[in-house]
N, C-alpha and C. Protein backbone atom coordinates (compact mmCIF):
# COMPACT_ATOMS: atom_id res chain seq x y z
N MET A 1 -9.76 -4.07 -5.95
CA MET A 1 -8.50 -3.68 -5.34
C MET A 1 -8.59 -4.00 -3.85
N LYS A 2 -7.61 -4.75 -3.37
CA LYS A 2 -7.55 -5.11 -1.96
C LYS A 2 -6.28 -4.52 -1.35
N LEU A 3 -6.42 -3.98 -0.15
CA LEU A 3 -5.31 -3.27 0.48
C LEU A 3 -4.95 -3.89 1.82
N LEU A 4 -3.66 -3.85 2.15
CA LEU A 4 -3.16 -4.20 3.47
C LEU A 4 -2.40 -2.99 3.99
N ILE A 5 -2.91 -2.40 5.05
CA ILE A 5 -2.33 -1.18 5.63
C ILE A 5 -1.25 -1.58 6.64
N ASP A 6 -0.03 -1.17 6.39
CA ASP A 6 1.09 -1.47 7.28
C ASP A 6 0.87 -0.81 8.64
N GLU A 7 1.52 -1.36 9.66
CA GLU A 7 1.31 -0.86 11.02
C GLU A 7 1.86 0.55 11.24
N ASN A 8 2.68 1.05 10.32
CA ASN A 8 3.21 2.40 10.47
C ASN A 8 2.24 3.47 9.97
N LEU A 9 1.04 3.05 9.57
CA LEU A 9 -0.03 3.96 9.18
C LEU A 9 -1.24 3.70 10.08
N SER A 10 -2.14 4.65 10.11
CA SER A 10 -3.32 4.50 10.95
C SER A 10 -4.20 3.34 10.46
N PRO A 11 -4.61 2.45 11.36
CA PRO A 11 -5.52 1.38 10.97
C PRO A 11 -6.88 1.92 10.52
N GLN A 12 -7.17 3.16 10.86
CA GLN A 12 -8.41 3.79 10.43
C GLN A 12 -8.50 3.84 8.90
N LEU A 13 -7.36 3.86 8.23
CA LEU A 13 -7.35 3.87 6.76
C LEU A 13 -8.09 2.65 6.21
N ALA A 14 -7.92 1.51 6.85
CA ALA A 14 -8.61 0.30 6.39
C ALA A 14 -10.12 0.47 6.53
N ALA A 15 -10.56 1.03 7.64
CA ALA A 15 -12.00 1.24 7.85
C ALA A 15 -12.56 2.20 6.81
N TRP A 16 -11.85 3.29 6.57
CA TRP A 16 -12.33 4.26 5.56
C TRP A 16 -12.34 3.65 4.17
N ALA A 17 -11.33 2.85 3.84
CA ALA A 17 -11.30 2.20 2.53
C ALA A 17 -12.47 1.23 2.39
N ASN A 18 -12.76 0.48 3.44
CA ASN A 18 -13.90 -0.43 3.42
C ASN A 18 -15.21 0.31 3.20
N GLU A 19 -15.34 1.48 3.82
CA GLU A 19 -16.54 2.30 3.64
C GLU A 19 -16.69 2.74 2.18
N GLN A 20 -15.57 2.84 1.46
CA GLN A 20 -15.57 3.23 0.05
C GLN A 20 -15.78 2.03 -0.88
N GLY A 21 -16.03 0.86 -0.30
CA GLY A 21 -16.29 -0.32 -1.10
C GLY A 21 -15.06 -1.15 -1.45
N LEU A 22 -13.91 -0.79 -0.90
CA LEU A 22 -12.70 -1.58 -1.10
C LEU A 22 -12.59 -2.63 -0.02
N GLU A 23 -11.83 -3.67 -0.30
CA GLU A 23 -11.53 -4.65 0.72
C GLU A 23 -10.18 -4.29 1.30
N ALA A 24 -10.16 -3.91 2.57
CA ALA A 24 -8.91 -3.48 3.19
C ALA A 24 -8.81 -4.02 4.61
N SER A 25 -7.60 -4.31 5.02
CA SER A 25 -7.35 -4.72 6.39
C SER A 25 -6.09 -4.02 6.88
N ALA A 26 -5.98 -3.93 8.18
CA ALA A 26 -4.81 -3.30 8.81
C ALA A 26 -3.94 -4.40 9.42
N ALA A 27 -2.64 -4.26 9.27
CA ALA A 27 -1.70 -5.27 9.77
C ALA A 27 -1.95 -5.60 11.23
N ILE A 28 -2.27 -4.59 12.02
CA ILE A 28 -2.44 -4.85 13.45
C ILE A 28 -3.68 -5.70 13.75
N TYR A 29 -4.63 -5.75 12.83
CA TYR A 29 -5.84 -6.53 13.04
C TYR A 29 -5.78 -7.92 12.44
N VAL A 30 -4.71 -8.23 11.73
CA VAL A 30 -4.58 -9.58 11.15
C VAL A 30 -3.36 -10.31 11.73
N GLY A 31 -2.94 -9.90 12.92
CA GLY A 31 -1.87 -10.59 13.63
C GLY A 31 -0.47 -10.28 13.14
N LEU A 32 -0.27 -9.15 12.48
CA LEU A 32 1.04 -8.82 11.92
C LEU A 32 1.75 -7.68 12.65
N GLN A 33 1.17 -7.21 13.74
CA GLN A 33 1.81 -6.12 14.48
C GLN A 33 3.16 -6.58 15.02
N GLY A 34 4.20 -5.80 14.75
CA GLY A 34 5.52 -6.11 15.25
C GLY A 34 6.25 -7.21 14.49
N LYS A 35 5.62 -7.74 13.47
CA LYS A 35 6.24 -8.82 12.69
C LYS A 35 7.19 -8.22 11.65
N PRO A 36 8.17 -9.00 11.21
CA PRO A 36 9.09 -8.52 10.16
C PRO A 36 8.34 -8.21 8.87
N ASP A 37 8.89 -7.28 8.10
CA ASP A 37 8.26 -6.88 6.84
C ASP A 37 8.01 -8.07 5.91
N ILE A 38 8.91 -9.03 5.92
CA ILE A 38 8.75 -10.19 5.03
C ILE A 38 7.47 -10.95 5.33
N GLN A 39 7.06 -10.99 6.60
CA GLN A 39 5.81 -11.68 6.93
C GLN A 39 4.61 -10.90 6.41
N LEU A 40 4.65 -9.59 6.53
CA LEU A 40 3.59 -8.75 5.97
C LEU A 40 3.54 -8.93 4.45
N TRP A 41 4.70 -8.95 3.83
CA TRP A 41 4.82 -9.12 2.38
C TRP A 41 4.18 -10.43 1.94
N ARG A 42 4.52 -11.50 2.64
CA ARG A 42 3.98 -12.83 2.30
C ARG A 42 2.47 -12.88 2.50
N HIS A 43 2.00 -12.26 3.57
CA HIS A 43 0.55 -12.21 3.83
C HIS A 43 -0.15 -11.47 2.70
N ALA A 44 0.40 -10.33 2.30
CA ALA A 44 -0.20 -9.56 1.20
C ALA A 44 -0.23 -10.38 -0.08
N TYR A 45 0.85 -11.08 -0.36
CA TYR A 45 0.90 -11.90 -1.57
C TYR A 45 -0.16 -13.01 -1.51
N ALA A 46 -0.24 -13.69 -0.38
CA ALA A 46 -1.19 -14.80 -0.22
C ALA A 46 -2.63 -14.34 -0.37
N HIS A 47 -2.91 -13.07 -0.03
CA HIS A 47 -4.27 -12.54 -0.07
C HIS A 47 -4.49 -11.55 -1.22
N SER A 48 -3.51 -11.47 -2.13
CA SER A 48 -3.59 -10.56 -3.29
C SER A 48 -3.88 -9.13 -2.87
N GLN A 49 -3.17 -8.66 -1.84
CA GLN A 49 -3.37 -7.32 -1.32
C GLN A 49 -2.21 -6.40 -1.69
N ILE A 50 -2.54 -5.19 -2.03
CA ILE A 50 -1.55 -4.15 -2.24
C ILE A 50 -1.09 -3.66 -0.86
N VAL A 51 0.20 -3.62 -0.63
CA VAL A 51 0.74 -3.12 0.63
C VAL A 51 0.74 -1.60 0.58
N VAL A 52 0.19 -0.97 1.61
CA VAL A 52 0.21 0.48 1.75
C VAL A 52 1.12 0.79 2.94
N THR A 53 2.18 1.55 2.70
CA THR A 53 3.20 1.74 3.73
C THR A 53 3.93 3.07 3.59
N VAL A 54 4.59 3.49 4.66
CA VAL A 54 5.57 4.58 4.58
C VAL A 54 6.97 4.00 4.71
N ASN A 55 7.05 2.71 4.92
CA ASN A 55 8.32 2.00 5.03
C ASN A 55 8.80 1.67 3.61
N VAL A 56 9.09 2.70 2.87
CA VAL A 56 9.30 2.59 1.43
C VAL A 56 10.50 1.73 1.08
N GLY A 57 11.65 2.00 1.66
CA GLY A 57 12.88 1.30 1.30
C GLY A 57 12.78 -0.20 1.43
N ASP A 58 12.26 -0.69 2.54
CA ASP A 58 12.18 -2.13 2.76
C ASP A 58 11.26 -2.80 1.75
N PHE A 59 10.13 -2.17 1.45
CA PHE A 59 9.19 -2.80 0.53
C PHE A 59 9.64 -2.68 -0.93
N LEU A 60 10.40 -1.65 -1.26
CA LEU A 60 11.00 -1.59 -2.59
C LEU A 60 12.00 -2.74 -2.77
N CYS A 61 12.79 -2.99 -1.74
CA CYS A 61 13.74 -4.11 -1.80
C CYS A 61 13.00 -5.43 -1.96
N LEU A 62 11.94 -5.63 -1.20
CA LEU A 62 11.16 -6.87 -1.32
C LEU A 62 10.56 -7.01 -2.71
N ALA A 63 10.04 -5.93 -3.26
CA ALA A 63 9.44 -5.98 -4.60
C ALA A 63 10.47 -6.35 -5.65
N ARG A 64 11.69 -5.94 -5.45
CA ARG A 64 12.75 -6.23 -6.43
C ARG A 64 13.21 -7.69 -6.39
N THR A 65 12.89 -8.40 -5.32
CA THR A 65 13.39 -9.77 -5.15
C THR A 65 12.43 -10.85 -5.65
N VAL A 66 11.27 -10.46 -6.15
CA VAL A 66 10.29 -11.45 -6.59
C VAL A 66 9.90 -11.19 -8.05
N GLU A 67 9.38 -12.21 -8.68
CA GLU A 67 8.93 -12.06 -10.06
C GLU A 67 7.51 -11.54 -10.14
N LEU A 68 6.73 -11.75 -9.07
CA LEU A 68 5.33 -11.36 -9.08
C LEU A 68 4.91 -10.88 -7.69
N HIS A 69 4.23 -9.74 -7.65
CA HIS A 69 3.67 -9.24 -6.40
C HIS A 69 2.44 -8.39 -6.71
N PRO A 70 1.53 -8.25 -5.73
CA PRO A 70 0.29 -7.51 -5.98
C PRO A 70 0.42 -5.99 -6.01
N GLY A 71 1.58 -5.46 -5.63
CA GLY A 71 1.80 -4.03 -5.70
C GLY A 71 2.03 -3.37 -4.35
N VAL A 72 2.54 -2.16 -4.42
CA VAL A 72 2.83 -1.36 -3.23
C VAL A 72 2.39 0.07 -3.49
N ILE A 73 1.73 0.65 -2.51
CA ILE A 73 1.48 2.09 -2.49
C ILE A 73 2.39 2.63 -1.39
N ALA A 74 3.37 3.41 -1.79
CA ALA A 74 4.40 3.90 -0.88
C ALA A 74 4.19 5.39 -0.62
N LEU A 75 3.77 5.71 0.58
CA LEU A 75 3.60 7.11 0.97
C LEU A 75 4.95 7.64 1.43
N ARG A 76 5.48 8.61 0.74
CA ARG A 76 6.81 9.13 1.02
C ARG A 76 6.85 10.13 2.17
N GLU A 77 5.71 10.63 2.59
CA GLU A 77 5.68 11.64 3.65
C GLU A 77 5.43 10.97 4.99
N ALA A 78 6.44 10.93 5.82
CA ALA A 78 6.28 10.38 7.16
C ALA A 78 5.66 11.43 8.07
N GLY A 79 5.02 11.00 9.12
CA GLY A 79 4.50 11.91 10.13
C GLY A 79 3.19 12.59 9.78
N LEU A 80 2.51 12.14 8.74
CA LEU A 80 1.22 12.73 8.39
C LEU A 80 0.15 12.31 9.39
N ALA A 81 -0.73 13.23 9.71
CA ALA A 81 -1.90 12.89 10.53
C ALA A 81 -2.77 11.92 9.72
N ARG A 82 -3.62 11.19 10.40
CA ARG A 82 -4.38 10.15 9.69
C ARG A 82 -5.29 10.69 8.61
N ARG A 83 -5.85 11.89 8.77
CA ARG A 83 -6.68 12.47 7.70
C ARG A 83 -5.82 12.79 6.48
N ALA A 84 -4.61 13.24 6.70
CA ALA A 84 -3.70 13.51 5.58
C ALA A 84 -3.26 12.19 4.93
N GLN A 85 -3.03 11.16 5.74
CA GLN A 85 -2.73 9.83 5.20
C GLN A 85 -3.88 9.37 4.31
N TRP A 86 -5.11 9.56 4.78
CA TRP A 86 -6.28 9.15 4.02
C TRP A 86 -6.39 9.94 2.72
N SER A 87 -6.12 11.22 2.77
CA SER A 87 -6.16 12.04 1.57
C SER A 87 -5.17 11.52 0.53
N ARG A 88 -3.94 11.21 0.95
CA ARG A 88 -2.94 10.69 0.03
C ARG A 88 -3.35 9.32 -0.50
N LEU A 89 -3.91 8.48 0.38
CA LEU A 89 -4.34 7.15 -0.06
C LEU A 89 -5.49 7.25 -1.05
N GLN A 90 -6.42 8.16 -0.82
CA GLN A 90 -7.53 8.34 -1.77
C GLN A 90 -7.00 8.74 -3.15
N GLU A 91 -6.03 9.64 -3.19
CA GLU A 91 -5.42 10.02 -4.47
C GLU A 91 -4.80 8.80 -5.15
N ALA A 92 -4.10 7.98 -4.35
CA ALA A 92 -3.46 6.79 -4.90
C ALA A 92 -4.48 5.80 -5.44
N ILE A 93 -5.56 5.58 -4.69
CA ILE A 93 -6.62 4.67 -5.12
C ILE A 93 -7.22 5.14 -6.44
N GLU A 94 -7.50 6.42 -6.53
CA GLU A 94 -8.07 6.97 -7.76
C GLU A 94 -7.10 6.82 -8.93
N PHE A 95 -5.83 7.06 -8.67
CA PHE A 95 -4.80 6.88 -9.70
C PHE A 95 -4.78 5.44 -10.20
N VAL A 96 -4.78 4.49 -9.27
CA VAL A 96 -4.75 3.07 -9.64
C VAL A 96 -6.00 2.70 -10.44
N ARG A 97 -7.13 3.23 -10.04
CA ARG A 97 -8.37 2.95 -10.78
C ARG A 97 -8.31 3.50 -12.21
N LEU A 98 -7.87 4.73 -12.34
CA LEU A 98 -7.89 5.39 -13.65
C LEU A 98 -6.74 4.98 -14.56
N LYS A 99 -5.54 4.90 -14.03
CA LYS A 99 -4.35 4.66 -14.85
C LYS A 99 -3.96 3.19 -14.96
N CYS A 100 -4.41 2.37 -14.01
CA CYS A 100 -3.99 0.96 -13.97
C CYS A 100 -5.17 0.00 -13.99
N ALA A 101 -6.35 0.51 -14.24
CA ALA A 101 -7.57 -0.32 -14.25
C ALA A 101 -7.73 -1.11 -12.96
N GLY A 102 -7.28 -0.52 -11.85
CA GLY A 102 -7.43 -1.14 -10.55
C GLY A 102 -6.40 -2.22 -10.23
N ASP A 103 -5.44 -2.42 -11.12
CA ASP A 103 -4.46 -3.49 -10.96
C ASP A 103 -3.05 -2.90 -10.81
N LEU A 104 -2.43 -3.15 -9.67
CA LEU A 104 -1.09 -2.62 -9.42
C LEU A 104 -0.03 -3.73 -9.45
N THR A 105 -0.38 -4.87 -10.05
CA THR A 105 0.54 -6.00 -10.10
C THR A 105 1.91 -5.58 -10.63
N ASN A 106 2.95 -5.95 -9.85
CA ASN A 106 4.35 -5.67 -10.18
C ASN A 106 4.64 -4.19 -10.38
N GLN A 107 3.91 -3.36 -9.62
CA GLN A 107 4.15 -1.93 -9.70
C GLN A 107 4.19 -1.33 -8.29
N VAL A 108 4.93 -0.25 -8.18
CA VAL A 108 4.98 0.52 -6.94
C VAL A 108 4.51 1.92 -7.28
N LEU A 109 3.48 2.38 -6.58
CA LEU A 109 3.00 3.74 -6.75
C LEU A 109 3.57 4.56 -5.61
N GLU A 110 4.46 5.45 -5.96
CA GLU A 110 5.12 6.31 -4.99
C GLU A 110 4.30 7.60 -4.87
N VAL A 111 3.83 7.87 -3.66
CA VAL A 111 3.07 9.09 -3.39
C VAL A 111 4.02 10.03 -2.67
N ARG A 112 4.53 11.01 -3.40
CA ARG A 112 5.53 11.93 -2.86
C ARG A 112 4.91 13.09 -2.11
N GLY A 113 3.67 13.40 -2.44
CA GLY A 113 2.95 14.50 -1.81
C GLY A 113 1.61 14.64 -2.49
N ALA A 114 0.89 15.67 -2.11
CA ALA A 114 -0.43 15.91 -2.72
C ALA A 114 -0.26 16.08 -4.23
N LYS A 115 -0.99 15.27 -4.97
CA LYS A 115 -0.99 15.32 -6.44
C LYS A 115 0.38 15.06 -7.07
N ASP A 116 1.26 14.41 -6.32
CA ASP A 116 2.60 14.07 -6.80
C ASP A 116 2.78 12.56 -6.68
N LEU A 117 2.35 11.84 -7.72
CA LEU A 117 2.39 10.38 -7.74
C LEU A 117 3.23 9.90 -8.91
N VAL A 118 4.05 8.90 -8.64
CA VAL A 118 4.93 8.34 -9.67
C VAL A 118 4.80 6.83 -9.63
N LEU A 119 4.57 6.25 -10.81
CA LEU A 119 4.40 4.80 -10.94
C LEU A 119 5.71 4.17 -11.44
N HIS A 120 6.13 3.08 -10.76
CA HIS A 120 7.33 2.36 -11.13
C HIS A 120 6.99 0.89 -11.37
N ALA A 121 7.53 0.32 -12.42
CA ALA A 121 7.41 -1.12 -12.65
C ALA A 121 8.56 -1.79 -11.90
N ILE A 122 8.23 -2.57 -10.89
CA ILE A 122 9.25 -3.26 -10.09
C ILE A 122 8.76 -4.67 -9.80
N PRO A 123 9.46 -5.72 -10.22
CA PRO A 123 10.71 -5.63 -10.96
C PRO A 123 10.47 -5.18 -12.39
N GLU A 124 11.52 -4.65 -13.00
CA GLU A 124 11.40 -4.12 -14.37
C GLU A 124 11.27 -5.25 -15.37
C-alpha cells in the first residue's frame, strides 16, 4: 500500500507511515504544494498511490470521472491535530489491510470518525 498525503494534512503522517513499513510521501515534499487537485490526482495515479485527504468533495468528483484509480482515504473530520489525524489514518490502513487485502483500487474509504469507516466503490 502506497500513500500520498495531501497538503491539507500534516506531512508527518507520511513519516509515521514510512516507519510502519508503508511507502508514503507528502504532497509538499514532491513538488505539489499549492498545485490544483487534478495534479495531485495524476501524480497519485502515476505512482499507484492512495490519496489521503480531508478535501473529500473534490477527490470524490475526481474519482467519479475515471475508470481506474488507486483509491482515496477521505478523512471527514477537519481540524484534527496531527496525532488525531494519525490515529484515523492508522484505523484506515488497518481496515484496508483486513477488508481489502491492502488494495483500495476504485474505492473511497470514508473515515467519518473514530471507528466509523465506510467503504464506497467509486466509480460504481
